Amino acid sequence: MDTSKLFSLDGKVALVTGGSRGIGRMIAEGFIAQGATVYISSRKDEVCDAVASELGAKCISLPQDVSTVDGCKALASAFADAQPKLDILVNNAGAAWSMPFEEFSEQGWDKVMDLNLKSPFFLVQALHDSLKAAGSASQPAKVINITSIDGQRLNPWETFSYQASKAGLIYLTKRMAARLVTDHINVTSIAPGAFPSDMNRAARDHGAEVSASIPSGRVGVGEDMAGAAIYLASRAGDYVVGDTITVDGGLVHAALGGSIDA
């Protein structure tokens, strides 16, 4: 048994949506460090271009708003024009919305559900041929959905559509996995806890307070997220299908009480 290359991504091509910041950027950096060529996508052209430049020659900017089915198709078409196959897709682009129950708006429902739950399905559908071109029985292609611990347990905030979307994406991961494994495409998900980001400002701006509620005693850092994603994307994770890996310092499965927003 040779385990020396279990976590290598040499020669692999990845696409990370929402890859210009936060968790998406952490994953993109980790993939590049393991040898992959990584396409990052986000809504803002100038930000996407600037981050790709920062991350080096193996990172390519492919800006696109994937909040609509047309946007998903446009991104898939642009990727297919650039590459003959896609080894790894990370569905990371997402949105959150908090509003009191009595006031919760249709806009806050539709925006979050469309981007967090609808778009991952239709982007995988649009990239199906590219993923099939990469996958084989010995080396399956990978789809990694970024879900959330808020799809596994309640937080104290009135984030109705966010929690519903993430819970739905965890189960959609299982359903897509059951279908796509027959095409040599493994679908899995990562459920992050508290990682500093624009979406999770509590972890970003009040890390010490948030850390007090986490069994591990700290918020997540880039290596924590990159490590989980590299495992699933590489040979090491080839036999993992349909599962969700929780990366939260023990909050969901090892906490004795209390909760935080993540």
Protein backbone atom coordinates (compact mmCIF):
# COMPACT_ATOMS: atom_id res chain seq x y z
CA MET A 1 0.00 0.00 0.00
CA ASP A 2 1.38 3.41 -1.06
CA THR A 3 -0.21 6.31 0.80
CA SER A 4 2.29 8.96 -0.28
CA LYS A 5 -0.04 10.45 -2.90
CA LEU A 6 -3.40 9.91 -1.21
CA PHE A 7 -4.01 13.65 -0.85
CA SER A 8 -2.38 14.83 -4.07
CA LEU A 9 -4.43 16.80 -6.59
CA ASP A 10 -1.70 16.96 -9.22
CA GLY A 11 -3.23 17.25 -12.68
CA LYS A 12 -6.76 17.80 -11.37
CA VAL A 13 -8.99 20.66 -12.49
CA ALA A 14 -11.41 22.20 -9.99
CA LEU A 15 -14.13 24.83 -10.09
CA VAL A 16 -15.07 26.63 -6.85
CA THR A 17 -18.11 28.90 -6.81
CA GLY A 18 -17.94 31.76 -4.36
CA GLY A 19 -14.20 31.17 -4.57
CA SER A 20 -13.02 34.73 -4.11
CA ARG A 21 -13.52 34.96 -0.35
CA GLY A 22 -14.26 33.12 2.87
CA ILE A 23 -14.63 29.36 2.79
CA GLY A 24 -14.44 29.24 -1.01
CA ARG A 25 -11.07 30.95 -1.01
CA MET A 26 -9.80 28.66 1.77
CA ILE A 27 -10.69 25.64 -0.35
CA ALA A 28 -9.25 27.13 -3.54
CA GLU A 29 -5.94 27.85 -1.80
CA GLY A 30 -5.81 24.34 -0.39
CA PHE A 31 -6.47 22.74 -3.77
CA ILE A 32 -3.77 24.84 -5.43
CA ALA A 33 -1.28 23.89 -2.72
CA GLN A 34 -1.99 20.21 -3.52
CA GLY A 35 -1.28 20.71 -7.22
CA ALA A 36 -4.71 21.39 -8.75
CA THR A 37 -5.59 24.00 -11.34
CA VAL A 38 -8.48 25.92 -9.83
CA TYR A 39 -11.11 28.07 -11.52
CA ILE A 40 -12.80 30.43 -9.08
CA SER A 41 -16.14 32.05 -9.78
CA SER A 42 -17.98 34.91 -8.09
CA ARG A 43 -20.42 37.66 -9.02
CA LYS A 44 -17.97 40.55 -9.06
CA ASP A 45 -15.57 40.42 -12.00
CA GLU A 46 -12.94 42.71 -10.53
CA VAL A 47 -12.83 40.88 -7.19
CA CYS A 48 -12.67 37.47 -8.84
CA ASP A 49 -9.88 38.63 -11.16
CA ALA A 50 -7.89 40.19 -8.30
CA VAL A 51 -8.08 37.09 -6.10
CA ALA A 52 -7.08 34.80 -8.97
CA SER A 53 -4.05 37.03 -9.56
CA GLU A 54 -3.15 36.82 -5.85
CA LEU A 55 -3.40 33.03 -5.82
CA GLY A 56 -1.04 32.60 -8.76
CA ALA A 57 -0.78 31.01 -12.16
CA LYS A 58 -2.78 27.91 -11.23
CA CYS A 59 -5.85 29.98 -10.34
CA ILE A 60 -8.10 31.26 -13.13
CA SER A 61 -10.93 33.75 -12.75
CA LEU A 62 -14.30 32.79 -14.25
CA PRO A 63 -16.78 35.39 -12.93
CA GLN A 64 -20.48 34.55 -13.04
CA ASP A 65 -23.63 35.04 -11.00
CA VAL A 66 -24.98 31.52 -10.41
CA SER A 67 -28.15 32.59 -8.59
CA THR A 68 -30.23 31.71 -11.68
CA VAL A 69 -30.43 28.65 -13.92
CA ASP A 70 -29.26 30.78 -16.85
CA GLY A 71 -26.25 31.85 -14.80
CA CYS A 72 -25.43 28.22 -14.02
CA LYS A 73 -25.63 27.34 -17.70
CA ALA A 74 -23.43 30.31 -18.62
CA LEU A 75 -20.75 29.28 -16.12
CA ALA A 76 -20.82 25.68 -17.35
CA SER A 77 -20.48 26.85 -20.94
CA ALA A 78 -17.56 29.17 -20.11
CA PHE A 79 -15.83 26.35 -18.24
CA ALA A 80 -16.36 23.89 -21.11
CA ASP A 81 -14.80 26.40 -23.49
CA ALA A 82 -11.70 26.45 -21.29
CA GLN A 83 -11.34 22.81 -20.21
CA PRO A 84 -12.34 19.40 -21.65
CA LYS A 85 -13.23 17.94 -18.24
CA LEU A 86 -13.93 18.86 -14.62
CA ASP A 87 -12.49 16.70 -11.85
CA ILE A 88 -13.84 18.64 -8.86
CA LEU A 89 -16.79 20.99 -8.43
CA VAL A 90 -17.28 22.84 -5.14
CA ASN A 91 -20.73 24.39 -4.75
CA ASN A 92 -19.87 27.07 -2.22
CA ALA A 93 -21.69 30.24 -3.38
CA GLY A 94 -24.38 31.06 -0.85
CA ALA A 95 -26.43 33.70 0.91
CA ALA A 96 -28.03 34.20 4.32
CA TRP A 97 -31.03 36.22 5.50
CA SER A 98 -32.30 36.97 9.00
CA MET A 99 -35.62 38.68 9.73
CA PRO A 100 -38.30 38.32 12.42
CA PHE A 101 -40.93 35.70 11.61
CA GLU A 102 -43.72 38.26 11.40
CA GLU A 103 -41.79 40.29 8.83
CA PHE A 104 -39.90 37.62 6.92
CA SER A 105 -40.12 38.51 3.24
CA GLU A 106 -40.58 36.55 0.05
CA GLN A 107 -37.37 38.17 -1.18
CA GLY A 108 -35.49 36.77 1.81
CA TRP A 109 -36.94 33.34 1.12
CA ASP A 110 -36.41 33.21 -2.64
CA LYS A 111 -32.92 34.75 -2.73
CA VAL A 112 -31.53 32.26 -0.23
CA MET A 113 -33.34 29.18 -1.48
CA ASP A 114 -32.45 29.90 -5.10
CA LEU A 115 -28.73 30.36 -4.48
CA ASN A 116 -28.22 27.83 -1.68
CA LEU A 117 -30.40 24.95 -2.87
CA LYS A 118 -31.63 25.42 -6.42
CA SER A 119 -28.38 26.58 -8.01
CA PRO A 120 -26.19 23.68 -6.81
CA PHE A 121 -28.56 21.23 -8.48
CA PHE A 122 -28.73 23.09 -11.78
CA LEU A 123 -25.01 23.81 -11.86
CA VAL A 124 -24.24 20.11 -11.46
CA GLN A 125 -26.79 19.39 -14.17
CA ALA A 126 -25.16 21.94 -16.49
CA LEU A 127 -21.67 20.54 -15.77
CA HIS A 128 -22.74 16.90 -15.97
CA ASP A 129 -20.91 16.21 -19.23
CA SER A 130 -17.70 17.85 -17.97
CA LEU A 131 -17.82 15.81 -14.77
CA LYS A 132 -18.57 12.56 -16.63
CA ALA A 133 -15.60 13.23 -18.91
CA ALA A 134 -13.33 13.29 -15.85
CA GLY A 135 -14.79 10.42 -13.85
CA SER A 136 -13.94 6.74 -14.05
CA ALA A 137 -14.40 3.68 -11.87
CA SER A 138 -10.86 4.03 -10.57
CA GLN A 139 -10.89 7.84 -10.25
CA PRO A 140 -14.37 9.31 -9.79
CA ALA A 141 -15.06 12.99 -10.34
CA LYS A 142 -16.15 14.87 -7.23
CA VAL A 143 -18.93 17.29 -6.34
CA ILE A 144 -18.58 18.86 -2.89
CA ASN A 145 -21.54 20.88 -1.63
CA ILE A 146 -20.85 23.38 1.13
CA THR A 147 -23.76 23.03 3.52
CA SER A 148 -23.71 24.18 7.17
CA ILE A 149 -24.16 22.99 10.71
CA ASP A 150 -27.29 25.15 10.53
CA GLY A 151 -28.72 22.38 8.37
CA GLN A 152 -28.06 19.93 11.23
CA ARG A 153 -29.19 21.87 14.30
CA LEU A 154 -30.99 25.08 15.20
CA ASN A 155 -29.23 28.37 15.69
CA PRO A 156 -30.72 31.15 17.85
CA TRP A 157 -31.43 33.48 14.91
CA GLU A 158 -34.49 33.76 12.70
CA THR A 159 -32.74 32.53 9.56
CA PHE A 160 -35.69 30.52 8.29
CA SER A 161 -34.77 30.19 4.62
CA TYR A 162 -31.06 29.70 5.36
CA GLN A 163 -31.60 26.78 7.71
CA ALA A 164 -34.17 25.22 5.38
CA SER A 165 -31.85 25.59 2.39
CA LYS A 166 -28.87 24.01 4.12
CA ALA A 167 -30.90 21.11 5.52
CA GLY A 168 -32.31 20.60 2.04
CA LEU A 169 -28.86 20.65 0.47
CA ILE A 170 -27.63 17.98 2.86
CA TYR A 171 -30.42 15.68 1.70
CA LEU A 172 -30.07 16.75 -1.94
CA THR A 173 -26.43 15.69 -1.64
CA LYS A 174 -27.59 12.16 -0.81
CA ARG A 175 -30.11 12.08 -3.63
CA MET A 176 -27.68 13.36 -6.26
CA ALA A 177 -25.03 10.97 -4.95
CA ALA A 178 -27.35 8.00 -5.50
CA ARG A 179 -27.88 9.00 -9.13
CA LEU A 180 -24.46 10.29 -10.10
CA VAL A 181 -22.35 7.51 -8.58
CA THR A 182 -23.46 5.46 -11.57
CA ASP A 183 -21.64 8.02 -13.76
CA HIS A 184 -18.48 7.77 -11.60
CA ILE A 185 -19.23 11.11 -9.92
CA ASN A 186 -19.12 11.17 -6.10
CA VAL A 187 -21.30 13.79 -4.40
CA THR A 188 -20.58 14.73 -0.78
CA SER A 189 -20.92 17.78 1.45
CA ILE A 190 -19.03 19.69 4.12
CA ALA A 191 -21.00 21.31 6.94
CA PRO A 192 -18.85 24.13 8.35
CA GLY A 193 -19.28 25.60 11.79
CA ALA A 194 -17.83 28.94 12.83
CA PHE A 195 -15.34 30.18 10.23
CA PRO A 196 -14.53 33.90 9.95
CA SER A 197 -16.17 35.33 6.83
CA ASP A 198 -18.41 38.10 5.56
CA MET A 199 -21.35 35.74 6.05
CA ASN A 200 -20.32 34.77 9.58
CA ARG A 201 -19.37 38.12 11.04
CA ALA A 202 -19.72 36.80 14.58
CA ALA A 203 -16.79 34.42 14.06
CA ARG A 204 -14.89 37.10 12.17
CA ASP A 205 -15.40 40.01 14.54
CA HIS A 206 -16.01 38.31 17.92
CA GLY A 207 -13.86 35.21 17.70
CA ALA A 208 -13.07 34.99 21.41
CA GLU A 209 -16.73 35.12 22.43
CA VAL A 210 -17.77 32.59 19.79
CA SER A 211 -14.88 30.28 20.71
CA ALA A 212 -16.21 29.97 24.26
CA SER A 213 -19.20 28.00 22.94
CA ILE A 214 -17.15 25.59 20.82
CA PRO A 215 -15.81 22.38 22.43
CA SER A 216 -12.47 22.78 20.63
CA GLY A 217 -12.17 26.26 22.08
CA ARG A 218 -11.59 28.15 18.84
CA VAL A 219 -13.15 29.15 15.53
CA GLY A 220 -12.10 27.40 12.34
CA VAL A 221 -9.08 28.44 10.27
CA GLY A 222 -8.24 27.96 6.61
CA GLU A 223 -6.34 24.72 7.09
CA ASP A 224 -9.35 23.12 8.81
CA MET A 225 -11.60 23.76 5.83
CA ALA A 226 -8.94 23.05 3.20
CA GLY A 227 -8.07 19.74 4.88
CA ALA A 228 -11.64 18.44 4.74
CA ALA A 229 -12.09 19.53 1.13
CA ILE A 230 -8.76 18.05 0.03
CA TYR A 231 -9.69 14.75 1.66
CA LEU A 232 -12.97 14.52 -0.23
CA ALA A 233 -11.49 15.78 -3.51
CA SER A 234 -8.45 13.48 -3.51
CA ARG A 235 -7.90 9.72 -3.80
CA ALA A 236 -8.23 9.58 -0.01
CA GLY A 237 -11.97 10.29 -0.29
CA ASP A 238 -12.83 8.13 -3.29
CA TYR A 239 -14.96 5.71 -1.25
CA VAL A 240 -17.02 8.44 0.45
CA VAL A 241 -20.38 8.87 -1.29
CA GLY A 242 -23.37 10.95 -0.21
CA ASP A 243 -22.04 11.76 3.25
CA THR A 244 -21.69 15.10 5.04
CA ILE A 245 -18.52 15.84 6.96
CA THR A 246 -19.11 18.22 9.87
CA VAL A 247 -16.19 20.61 10.43
CA ASP A 248 -17.14 22.64 13.49
CA GLY A 249 -14.83 21.92 16.42
CA GLY A 250 -17.39 19.61 18.00
CA LEU A 251 -20.35 21.97 18.26
CA VAL A 252 -22.93 19.64 16.72
CA HIS A 253 -21.71 16.26 17.94
CA ALA A 254 -19.67 16.99 21.08
CA ALA A 255 -21.25 20.03 22.75
CA LEU A 256 -22.93 19.69 26.14
CA GLY A 257 -25.06 22.80 25.65
CA GLY A 258 -25.31 26.24 24.07
CA SER A 259 -25.34 27.29 20.44
CA ILE A 260 -23.91 29.92 18.13
CA ASP A 261 -24.66 31.30 14.71
CA ALA A 262 -22.60 29.69 11.94
